[in-house]
Amino acid sequence: MKVFFTPYFKNNPYQKRIIDKFREIGVEIDIAATGTSAFFSTPKLNEANIIHFHWFEPFIRSNSYIKSLFKAIVFLVRLSFLKKNKKYVWTVHNLVNHEKKMFL
C-alpha cells in the first residue's frame, strides 16, 4: 500500500511518529508537494492508494473569502479527477489554525 502525506513538515513530531508506525507495518509513505499546482504535479501521485491530508490551508487559503472559496472548489474538482480508486484521509489536527487566522 502506498500513502502520500500532504502537507508535510519535517519538524512535526506527530507526522514523524505516524510515518514511522506506518512503515513498521509495511506501508510505503511518500510526500506530496504542497500547494494546489505543486500537489497535482507530484511525481507518482497516481500510484497512491491513499492520500492523507493533514491541513487544507496551503491549498485553499487566500486573501479573501471569495478567493478561498474559489480555490477550494477548484481543488476539490481537480481532486475528483484524480480519484481513480483512491481513498482520502483527513486528520483534523486543529479546527482553527495556531495563528487563529481565517482565510483572509
Protein backbone atom coordinates (compact mmCIF):
# COMPACT_ATOMS: atom_id res chain seq x y z
CA MET A 1 0.00 0.00 0.00
CA LYS A 2 1.27 3.47 -0.88
CA VAL A 3 0.25 6.54 1.11
CA PHE A 4 1.07 10.13 0.20
CA PHE A 5 1.16 12.72 3.01
CA THR A 6 0.44 16.39 2.42
CA PRO A 7 1.38 18.90 3.60
CA TYR A 8 4.41 17.51 5.39
CA PHE A 9 6.52 19.38 7.91
CA LYS A 10 9.70 17.52 8.83
CA ASN A 11 9.79 19.10 12.29
CA ASN A 12 6.25 17.98 13.16
CA PRO A 13 6.58 15.16 15.73
CA TYR A 14 3.09 13.79 15.04
CA GLN A 15 3.81 13.34 11.36
CA LYS A 16 7.14 11.68 12.06
CA ARG A 17 5.54 9.23 14.52
CA ILE A 18 2.70 8.28 12.20
CA ILE A 19 5.09 7.77 9.28
CA ASP A 20 7.34 5.58 11.46
CA LYS A 21 4.35 3.46 12.59
CA PHE A 22 3.04 3.06 9.05
CA ARG A 23 6.47 1.99 7.83
CA GLU A 24 6.72 -0.56 10.66
CA ILE A 25 3.67 -2.34 9.26
CA GLY A 26 4.92 -2.20 5.67
CA VAL A 27 3.10 0.85 4.34
CA GLU A 28 5.09 2.81 1.77
CA ILE A 29 4.99 6.53 2.57
CA ASP A 30 5.73 9.30 0.14
CA ILE A 31 5.35 13.06 0.43
CA ALA A 32 3.15 15.03 -1.95
CA ALA A 33 4.03 18.62 -2.73
CA THR A 34 2.18 21.43 -1.00
CA GLY A 35 0.05 23.97 -2.83
CA THR A 36 -2.53 23.12 -5.46
CA SER A 37 -0.40 23.25 -8.62
CA ALA A 38 2.57 21.57 -6.96
CA PHE A 39 0.36 18.89 -5.37
CA PHE A 40 -1.18 17.83 -8.67
CA SER A 41 2.30 17.79 -10.26
CA THR A 42 3.73 15.45 -7.59
CA PRO A 43 5.55 12.60 -9.35
CA LYS A 44 3.84 9.21 -9.00
CA LEU A 45 0.80 10.69 -7.23
CA ASN A 46 -1.36 8.47 -9.43
CA GLU A 47 0.24 5.44 -7.75
CA ALA A 48 -1.19 6.42 -4.36
CA ASN A 49 -3.73 4.14 -2.73
CA ILE A 50 -4.39 6.72 -0.03
CA ILE A 51 -3.78 10.45 0.12
CA HIS A 52 -3.54 11.65 3.72
CA PHE A 53 -4.27 15.33 4.21
CA HIS A 54 -3.15 16.99 7.40
CA TRP A 55 -4.20 20.57 6.65
CA PHE A 56 -6.07 22.14 3.76
CA GLU A 57 -4.93 25.72 4.32
CA PRO A 58 -1.99 25.55 1.87
CA PHE A 59 -4.43 24.54 -0.85
CA ILE A 60 -7.26 26.99 -0.22
CA ARG A 61 -6.02 29.94 1.84
CA SER A 62 -6.19 33.29 0.12
CA ASN A 63 -6.53 36.96 0.96
CA SER A 64 -10.34 36.93 0.66
CA TYR A 65 -13.20 34.59 1.41
CA ILE A 66 -14.31 34.60 -2.22
CA LYS A 67 -10.85 33.62 -3.46
CA SER A 68 -10.58 30.94 -0.76
CA LEU A 69 -13.96 29.53 -1.78
CA PHE A 70 -12.92 29.55 -5.42
CA LYS A 71 -9.61 27.83 -4.60
CA ALA A 72 -11.44 25.20 -2.52
CA ILE A 73 -13.85 24.43 -5.38
CA VAL A 74 -11.02 24.20 -7.91
CA PHE A 75 -9.04 21.95 -5.57
CA LEU A 76 -11.99 19.61 -4.99
CA VAL A 77 -12.82 19.42 -8.70
CA ARG A 78 -9.23 18.58 -9.56
CA LEU A 79 -9.16 16.02 -6.73
CA SER A 80 -12.27 14.36 -8.15
CA PHE A 81 -10.46 13.83 -11.48
CA LEU A 82 -7.56 12.20 -9.62
CA LYS A 83 -9.83 9.81 -7.68
CA LYS A 84 -9.43 6.53 -9.64
CA ASN A 85 -9.96 4.16 -6.67
CA LYS A 86 -8.04 6.30 -4.21
CA LYS A 87 -9.06 6.81 -0.64
CA TYR A 88 -8.65 10.11 1.12
CA VAL A 89 -7.91 10.64 4.80
CA TRP A 90 -8.07 13.96 6.59
CA THR A 91 -6.58 14.10 10.05
CA VAL A 92 -8.16 17.08 11.76
CA HIS A 93 -5.30 18.42 13.85
CA ASN A 94 -6.90 21.74 14.73
CA LEU A 95 -10.29 23.20 13.93
CA VAL A 96 -8.63 26.63 13.99
CA ASN A 97 -5.03 27.17 12.94
CA HIS A 98 -2.44 28.12 15.54
CA GLU A 99 -2.41 31.71 14.41
CA LYS A 100 -6.23 31.84 14.67
CA LYS A 101 -6.36 33.23 11.15
CA MET A 102 -9.28 32.51 8.93
CA PHE A 103 -8.93 32.58 5.17
CA LEU A 104 -8.05 36.23 4.98
